[in-house]
């Protein structure tokens, strides 16, 4: 056994004795090697970025509880309900209060949608704006 080992070590062409593997990777810029790990992580967290899928997953996780509305649906319902109340109300003081509630629900819904859109954009590892945050 040792004689065979010595003959391999004394061999002029050691590459014949050892199987050497070379892997080369071409990268356009320094951050490119982070793309694959980020893509793997994103594939796992992406379920909760997409609102419909996240609600489905949460519904399945807590199927024994009755969850009927998302936050967006809740705000939309309040907006419609209080706009309707304001239009049908004859008392101007109550009408003004109902309109204020409807307007607040509308503004909150707009802020929520902006926030949600920003979160989706910032969680995308392929978004070039996010690479500077990784350094």
N, C-alpha and C. Protein backbone atom coordinates (compact mmCIF):
# COMPACT_ATOMS: atom_id res chain seq x y z
N UNK A 1 0.83 -1.19 0.00
CA UNK A 1 0.00 0.00 0.00
C UNK A 1 0.87 1.26 0.00
N UNK A 2 1.92 1.27 0.87
CA UNK A 2 2.82 2.42 0.95
C UNK A 2 3.65 2.57 -0.33
N UNK A 3 4.00 1.45 -0.97
CA UNK A 3 4.79 1.51 -2.19
C UNK A 3 4.00 2.19 -3.30
N UNK A 4 2.72 1.88 -3.37
CA UNK A 4 1.86 2.50 -4.38
C UNK A 4 1.75 4.01 -4.14
N UNK A 5 1.64 4.35 -2.88
CA UNK A 5 1.54 5.76 -2.50
C UNK A 5 2.82 6.51 -2.87
N UNK A 6 3.98 5.90 -2.58
CA UNK A 6 5.26 6.53 -2.90
C UNK A 6 5.43 6.68 -4.41
N UNK A 7 4.98 5.69 -5.16
CA UNK A 7 5.12 5.78 -6.62
C UNK A 7 4.24 6.89 -7.18
N UNK A 8 3.08 7.10 -6.58
CA UNK A 8 2.20 8.19 -7.01
C UNK A 8 2.84 9.52 -6.68
N UNK A 9 3.41 9.64 -5.48
CA UNK A 9 4.05 10.89 -5.05
C UNK A 9 5.29 11.20 -5.88
N UNK A 10 6.01 10.16 -6.31
CA UNK A 10 7.22 10.35 -7.10
C UNK A 10 6.92 10.53 -8.58
N UNK A 11 5.69 10.37 -8.93
CA UNK A 11 5.29 10.50 -10.33
C UNK A 11 5.56 11.91 -10.83
N UNK A 12 6.03 12.00 -12.08
CA UNK A 12 6.31 13.31 -12.68
C UNK A 12 5.02 14.10 -12.91
N UNK A 13 3.97 13.42 -13.22
CA UNK A 13 2.71 14.10 -13.51
C UNK A 13 1.71 13.80 -12.39
N UNK A 14 1.74 14.63 -11.38
CA UNK A 14 0.87 14.40 -10.21
C UNK A 14 -0.60 14.59 -10.56
N UNK A 15 -0.89 15.35 -11.63
CA UNK A 15 -2.28 15.55 -12.04
C UNK A 15 -2.93 14.26 -12.53
N UNK A 16 -2.11 13.31 -13.00
CA UNK A 16 -2.65 12.02 -13.40
C UNK A 16 -3.10 11.22 -12.18
N UNK A 17 -2.44 11.42 -11.07
CA UNK A 17 -2.75 10.67 -9.86
C UNK A 17 -3.93 11.25 -9.10
N UNK A 18 -4.06 12.56 -9.13
CA UNK A 18 -5.13 13.22 -8.38
C UNK A 18 -6.18 13.78 -9.34
N UNK A 19 -7.40 13.58 -8.98
CA UNK A 19 -8.47 14.18 -9.78
C UNK A 19 -8.69 15.59 -9.28
N UNK A 20 -8.22 16.55 -10.05
CA UNK A 20 -8.35 17.94 -9.65
C UNK A 20 -9.48 18.57 -10.45
N UNK A 21 -10.29 19.29 -9.74
CA UNK A 21 -11.44 19.95 -10.37
C UNK A 21 -11.31 21.45 -10.19
N UNK A 22 -11.47 22.15 -11.27
CA UNK A 22 -11.43 23.61 -11.23
C UNK A 22 -12.80 24.14 -11.62
N UNK A 23 -13.34 24.98 -10.79
CA UNK A 23 -14.61 25.65 -11.10
C UNK A 23 -14.33 27.13 -11.26
N UNK A 24 -14.83 27.67 -12.32
CA UNK A 24 -14.65 29.10 -12.57
C UNK A 24 -16.02 29.77 -12.59
N UNK A 25 -16.07 30.93 -12.03
CA UNK A 25 -17.32 31.67 -11.99
C UNK A 25 -17.05 33.08 -12.51
N UNK A 26 -17.81 33.47 -13.50
CA UNK A 26 -17.68 34.81 -14.05
C UNK A 26 -18.69 35.72 -13.36
N UNK A 27 -18.21 36.85 -12.90
CA UNK A 27 -19.08 37.80 -12.23
C UNK A 27 -18.91 39.16 -12.87
N UNK A 28 -20.05 39.81 -13.13
CA UNK A 28 -19.99 41.13 -13.74
C UNK A 28 -19.55 42.19 -12.74
N UNK A 29 -20.00 42.06 -11.52
CA UNK A 29 -19.59 43.02 -10.50
C UNK A 29 -19.52 42.31 -9.16
N UNK A 30 -18.96 42.98 -8.18
CA UNK A 30 -18.59 42.34 -6.92
C UNK A 30 -19.78 41.78 -6.14
N UNK A 31 -20.95 42.39 -6.27
CA UNK A 31 -22.10 41.94 -5.48
C UNK A 31 -22.84 40.76 -6.11
N UNK A 32 -22.44 40.37 -7.30
CA UNK A 32 -23.20 39.34 -7.99
C UNK A 32 -23.19 38.00 -7.26
N UNK A 33 -22.12 37.70 -6.52
CA UNK A 33 -22.07 36.41 -5.83
C UNK A 33 -23.08 36.33 -4.69
N UNK A 34 -23.70 37.47 -4.32
CA UNK A 34 -24.74 37.44 -3.29
C UNK A 34 -26.12 37.09 -3.86
N UNK A 35 -26.26 37.12 -5.17
CA UNK A 35 -27.58 36.93 -5.76
C UNK A 35 -28.16 35.56 -5.44
N UNK A 36 -27.39 34.50 -5.58
CA UNK A 36 -27.95 33.17 -5.35
C UNK A 36 -28.43 32.99 -3.90
N UNK A 37 -27.62 33.30 -2.89
CA UNK A 37 -28.13 33.15 -1.52
C UNK A 37 -29.35 34.03 -1.24
N UNK A 38 -29.36 35.23 -1.80
CA UNK A 38 -30.53 36.10 -1.62
C UNK A 38 -31.75 35.53 -2.31
N UNK A 39 -31.55 34.95 -3.47
CA UNK A 39 -32.68 34.35 -4.19
C UNK A 39 -33.25 33.17 -3.41
N UNK A 40 -32.37 32.39 -2.80
CA UNK A 40 -32.84 31.26 -1.98
C UNK A 40 -33.64 31.77 -0.79
N UNK A 41 -33.10 32.79 -0.12
CA UNK A 41 -33.82 33.35 1.03
C UNK A 41 -35.14 33.97 0.59
N UNK A 42 -35.10 34.67 -0.53
CA UNK A 42 -36.33 35.31 -1.02
C UNK A 42 -37.38 34.27 -1.36
N UNK A 43 -36.97 33.14 -1.90
CA UNK A 43 -37.96 32.13 -2.27
C UNK A 43 -38.73 31.64 -1.06
N UNK A 44 -38.10 31.67 0.11
CA UNK A 44 -38.79 31.24 1.32
C UNK A 44 -39.64 32.35 1.93
N UNK A 45 -39.16 33.57 1.87
CA UNK A 45 -39.90 34.68 2.48
C UNK A 45 -40.89 35.32 1.52
N UNK A 46 -40.78 34.99 0.24
CA UNK A 46 -41.64 35.60 -0.76
C UNK A 46 -43.11 35.26 -0.54
N UNK A 47 -43.38 34.14 0.12
CA UNK A 47 -44.77 33.77 0.37
C UNK A 47 -45.49 34.84 1.17
N UNK A 48 -44.79 35.48 2.08
CA UNK A 48 -45.43 36.47 2.94
C UNK A 48 -45.39 37.87 2.34
N UNK A 49 -44.69 38.05 1.22
CA UNK A 49 -44.68 39.34 0.54
C UNK A 49 -45.95 39.49 -0.30
N UNK A 50 -46.36 38.41 -0.93
CA UNK A 50 -47.56 38.44 -1.75
C UNK A 50 -48.76 38.32 -0.82
N UNK A 51 -49.56 39.36 -0.80
CA UNK A 51 -50.62 39.50 0.19
C UNK A 51 -51.62 38.34 0.14
N UNK A 52 -52.07 37.95 -1.04
CA UNK A 52 -53.08 36.90 -1.15
C UNK A 52 -52.56 35.57 -0.62
N UNK A 53 -51.32 35.25 -0.96
CA UNK A 53 -50.74 33.99 -0.50
C UNK A 53 -50.51 34.02 1.00
N UNK A 54 -50.06 35.16 1.52
CA UNK A 54 -49.82 35.24 2.96
C UNK A 54 -51.12 35.09 3.74
N UNK A 55 -52.20 35.70 3.24
CA UNK A 55 -53.48 35.52 3.93
C UNK A 55 -53.95 34.07 3.85
N UNK A 56 -53.72 33.42 2.70
CA UNK A 56 -54.10 32.02 2.58
C UNK A 56 -53.32 31.16 3.57
N UNK A 57 -52.00 31.39 3.66
CA UNK A 57 -51.17 30.62 4.58
C UNK A 57 -51.61 30.85 6.02
N UNK A 58 -51.82 32.11 6.38
CA UNK A 58 -52.26 32.42 7.74
C UNK A 58 -53.62 31.81 8.04
N UNK A 59 -54.51 31.84 7.05
CA UNK A 59 -55.83 31.24 7.23
C UNK A 59 -55.71 29.74 7.48
N UNK A 60 -54.82 29.09 6.73
CA UNK A 60 -54.63 27.65 6.91
C UNK A 60 -53.97 27.33 8.25
N UNK A 61 -53.08 28.21 8.70
CA UNK A 61 -52.42 27.98 9.98
C UNK A 61 -53.37 28.12 11.16
N UNK A 62 -54.30 29.04 11.04
CA UNK A 62 -55.24 29.25 12.14
C UNK A 62 -56.67 29.03 11.64
N UNK A 63 -56.87 27.88 11.01
CA UNK A 63 -58.16 27.57 10.39
C UNK A 63 -59.30 27.45 11.40
N UNK A 64 -58.99 27.22 12.64
CA UNK A 64 -60.05 27.08 13.64
C UNK A 64 -60.63 28.43 14.07
N UNK A 65 -59.95 29.51 13.72
CA UNK A 65 -60.45 30.84 14.06
C UNK A 65 -61.13 31.44 12.84
N UNK A 66 -62.11 32.26 13.08
CA UNK A 66 -62.85 32.89 11.99
C UNK A 66 -62.25 34.26 11.69
N UNK A 67 -61.48 34.35 10.62
CA UNK A 67 -60.89 35.61 10.20
C UNK A 67 -61.54 35.96 8.86
N UNK A 68 -62.36 36.98 8.89
CA UNK A 68 -63.16 37.27 7.70
C UNK A 68 -62.60 38.38 6.83
N UNK A 69 -61.85 39.31 7.41
CA UNK A 69 -61.41 40.47 6.65
C UNK A 69 -59.91 40.71 6.78
N UNK A 70 -59.33 41.17 5.68
CA UNK A 70 -57.96 41.66 5.74
C UNK A 70 -58.02 43.11 6.20
N UNK A 71 -56.88 43.68 6.50
CA UNK A 71 -56.84 45.08 6.96
C UNK A 71 -57.34 46.01 5.85
N UNK A 72 -56.96 45.71 4.63
CA UNK A 72 -57.39 46.52 3.49
C UNK A 72 -58.91 46.45 3.32
N UNK A 73 -59.46 45.24 3.43
CA UNK A 73 -60.92 45.09 3.32
C UNK A 73 -61.64 45.79 4.46
N UNK A 74 -61.05 45.72 5.65
CA UNK A 74 -61.63 46.37 6.83
C UNK A 74 -61.72 47.89 6.63
N UNK A 75 -60.63 48.50 6.16
CA UNK A 75 -60.63 49.95 5.93
C UNK A 75 -61.60 50.33 4.80
N UNK A 76 -61.66 49.52 3.77
CA UNK A 76 -62.59 49.79 2.67
C UNK A 76 -64.03 49.71 3.15
N UNK A 77 -64.31 48.73 3.99
CA UNK A 77 -65.66 48.57 4.54
C UNK A 77 -66.04 49.79 5.40
N UNK A 78 -65.13 50.24 6.23
CA UNK A 78 -65.39 51.42 7.08
C UNK A 78 -65.64 52.65 6.20
N UNK A 79 -64.81 52.81 5.19
CA UNK A 79 -64.96 53.96 4.29
C UNK A 79 -66.35 53.98 3.64
N UNK A 80 -66.75 52.84 3.08
CA UNK A 80 -68.06 52.76 2.42
C UNK A 80 -69.20 52.95 3.41
N UNK A 81 -69.09 52.30 4.55
CA UNK A 81 -70.15 52.37 5.56
C UNK A 81 -70.37 53.80 6.05
N UNK A 82 -69.29 54.50 6.36
CA UNK A 82 -69.43 55.86 6.90
C UNK A 82 -69.75 56.89 5.82
N UNK A 83 -69.34 56.65 4.59
CA UNK A 83 -69.79 57.51 3.49
C UNK A 83 -71.29 57.38 3.30
N UNK A 84 -71.77 56.15 3.36
CA UNK A 84 -73.21 55.90 3.23
C UNK A 84 -73.98 56.54 4.38
N UNK A 85 -73.47 56.38 5.61
CA UNK A 85 -74.12 57.00 6.77
C UNK A 85 -74.17 58.52 6.63
N UNK A 86 -73.06 59.10 6.15
CA UNK A 86 -73.00 60.56 6.01
C UNK A 86 -73.99 61.06 4.97
N UNK A 87 -74.12 60.32 3.88
CA UNK A 87 -75.05 60.75 2.83
C UNK A 87 -76.51 60.65 3.26
N UNK A 88 -76.80 59.70 4.14
CA UNK A 88 -78.18 59.50 4.59
C UNK A 88 -78.52 60.26 5.86
N UNK A 89 -77.53 60.86 6.50
CA UNK A 89 -77.75 61.57 7.77
C UNK A 89 -78.26 62.98 7.51
N UNK A 90 -79.26 63.37 8.31
CA UNK A 90 -79.83 64.72 8.19
C UNK A 90 -79.18 65.70 9.16
N UNK A 91 -78.69 65.19 10.27
CA UNK A 91 -78.02 66.04 11.26
C UNK A 91 -76.62 66.38 10.75
N UNK A 92 -76.34 67.66 10.57
CA UNK A 92 -75.06 68.09 9.99
C UNK A 92 -73.86 67.76 10.86
N UNK A 93 -74.02 67.78 12.17
CA UNK A 93 -72.91 67.46 13.07
C UNK A 93 -72.51 65.99 12.92
N UNK A 94 -73.51 65.11 12.92
CA UNK A 94 -73.23 63.67 12.73
C UNK A 94 -72.69 63.41 11.32
N UNK A 95 -73.26 64.12 10.34
CA UNK A 95 -72.82 63.96 8.95
C UNK A 95 -71.33 64.30 8.82
N UNK A 96 -70.91 65.37 9.46
CA UNK A 96 -69.51 65.79 9.43
C UNK A 96 -68.60 64.76 10.10
N UNK A 97 -69.06 64.21 11.24
CA UNK A 97 -68.28 63.17 11.93
C UNK A 97 -68.13 61.93 11.06
N UNK A 98 -69.22 61.53 10.39
CA UNK A 98 -69.17 60.34 9.53
C UNK A 98 -68.21 60.56 8.35
N UNK A 99 -68.25 61.76 7.76
CA UNK A 99 -67.33 62.05 6.66
C UNK A 99 -65.88 62.05 7.13
N UNK A 100 -65.63 62.55 8.33
CA UNK A 100 -64.26 62.55 8.88
C UNK A 100 -63.74 61.12 9.06
N UNK A 101 -64.61 60.24 9.56
CA UNK A 101 -64.22 58.84 9.74
C UNK A 101 -63.93 58.20 8.38
N UNK A 102 -64.79 58.47 7.39
CA UNK A 102 -64.59 57.91 6.05
C UNK A 102 -63.29 58.43 5.42
N UNK A 103 -63.03 59.71 5.59
CA UNK A 103 -61.79 60.30 5.03
C UNK A 103 -60.56 59.72 5.73
N UNK A 104 -60.64 59.56 7.03
CA UNK A 104 -59.52 58.97 7.78
C UNK A 104 -59.26 57.54 7.31
N UNK A 105 -60.33 56.77 7.10
CA UNK A 105 -60.18 55.40 6.61
C UNK A 105 -59.54 55.39 5.22
N UNK A 106 -59.94 56.33 4.37
CA UNK A 106 -59.37 56.43 3.02
C UNK A 106 -57.88 56.75 3.07
N UNK A 107 -57.51 57.72 3.89
CA UNK A 107 -56.10 58.11 4.02
C UNK A 107 -55.26 56.97 4.60
N UNK A 108 -55.80 56.29 5.60
CA UNK A 108 -55.09 55.17 6.21
C UNK A 108 -54.89 54.05 5.19
N UNK A 109 -55.91 53.80 4.37
CA UNK A 109 -55.81 52.78 3.33
C UNK A 109 -54.74 53.15 2.30
N UNK A 110 -54.69 54.41 1.91
CA UNK A 110 -53.66 54.86 0.95
C UNK A 110 -52.26 54.70 1.54
N UNK A 111 -52.09 55.06 2.80
CA UNK A 111 -50.79 54.91 3.46
C UNK A 111 -50.40 53.44 3.55
N UNK A 112 -51.37 52.60 3.87
CA UNK A 112 -51.12 51.16 3.97
C UNK A 112 -50.67 50.60 2.62
N UNK A 113 -51.33 51.01 1.54
CA UNK A 113 -50.96 50.52 0.20
C UNK A 113 -49.56 51.00 -0.20
N UNK A 114 -49.22 52.25 0.12
CA UNK A 114 -47.88 52.76 -0.17
C UNK A 114 -46.83 51.98 0.62
N UNK A 115 -47.11 51.74 1.89
CA UNK A 115 -46.19 51.00 2.75
C UNK A 115 -46.00 49.58 2.22
N UNK A 116 -47.10 48.94 1.84
CA UNK A 116 -47.04 47.58 1.34
C UNK A 116 -46.24 47.51 0.04
N UNK A 117 -46.45 48.47 -0.85
CA UNK A 117 -45.71 48.51 -2.11
C UNK A 117 -44.22 48.73 -1.85
N UNK A 118 -43.88 49.59 -0.91
CA UNK A 118 -42.49 49.85 -0.56
C UNK A 118 -41.83 48.61 0.03
N UNK A 119 -42.53 47.90 0.87
CA UNK A 119 -42.00 46.67 1.47
C UNK A 119 -41.72 45.64 0.39
N UNK A 120 -42.62 45.50 -0.57
CA UNK A 120 -42.41 44.55 -1.65
C UNK A 120 -41.19 44.91 -2.48
N UNK A 121 -41.02 46.19 -2.78
CA UNK A 121 -39.87 46.62 -3.57
C UNK A 121 -38.57 46.43 -2.81
N UNK A 122 -38.56 46.74 -1.52
CA UNK A 122 -37.33 46.64 -0.73
C UNK A 122 -36.96 45.20 -0.41
N UNK A 123 -37.90 44.29 -0.50
CA UNK A 123 -37.58 42.90 -0.18
C UNK A 123 -37.08 42.13 -1.40
N UNK A 124 -37.10 42.75 -2.56
CA UNK A 124 -36.66 42.10 -3.79
C UNK A 124 -35.14 42.21 -3.91
N UNK A 125 -34.40 41.08 -3.79
CA UNK A 125 -32.95 41.15 -3.86
C UNK A 125 -32.44 41.50 -5.26
N UNK A 126 -33.29 41.37 -6.27
CA UNK A 126 -32.87 41.69 -7.63
C UNK A 126 -33.11 43.15 -7.97
N UNK A 127 -33.68 43.90 -7.05
CA UNK A 127 -33.87 45.33 -7.24
C UNK A 127 -32.52 46.00 -6.99
N UNK A 128 -32.01 46.68 -7.99
CA UNK A 128 -30.66 47.25 -7.91
C UNK A 128 -30.52 48.27 -6.78
N UNK A 129 -31.60 48.91 -6.38
CA UNK A 129 -31.53 49.88 -5.29
C UNK A 129 -31.19 49.20 -3.97
N UNK A 130 -31.48 47.90 -3.87
CA UNK A 130 -31.26 47.19 -2.62
C UNK A 130 -29.81 46.76 -2.43
N UNK A 131 -29.01 46.71 -3.50
CA UNK A 131 -27.64 46.25 -3.36
C UNK A 131 -26.82 47.17 -2.45
N UNK A 132 -27.07 48.46 -2.50
CA UNK A 132 -26.30 49.37 -1.63
C UNK A 132 -26.64 49.14 -0.16
N UNK A 133 -27.83 48.61 0.13
CA UNK A 133 -28.20 48.32 1.51
C UNK A 133 -27.56 47.04 2.03
N UNK A 134 -27.07 46.21 1.12
CA UNK A 134 -26.46 44.94 1.52
C UNK A 134 -25.01 45.11 1.98
N UNK A 135 -24.38 46.18 1.56
CA UNK A 135 -22.96 46.38 1.87
C UNK A 135 -22.79 46.83 3.31
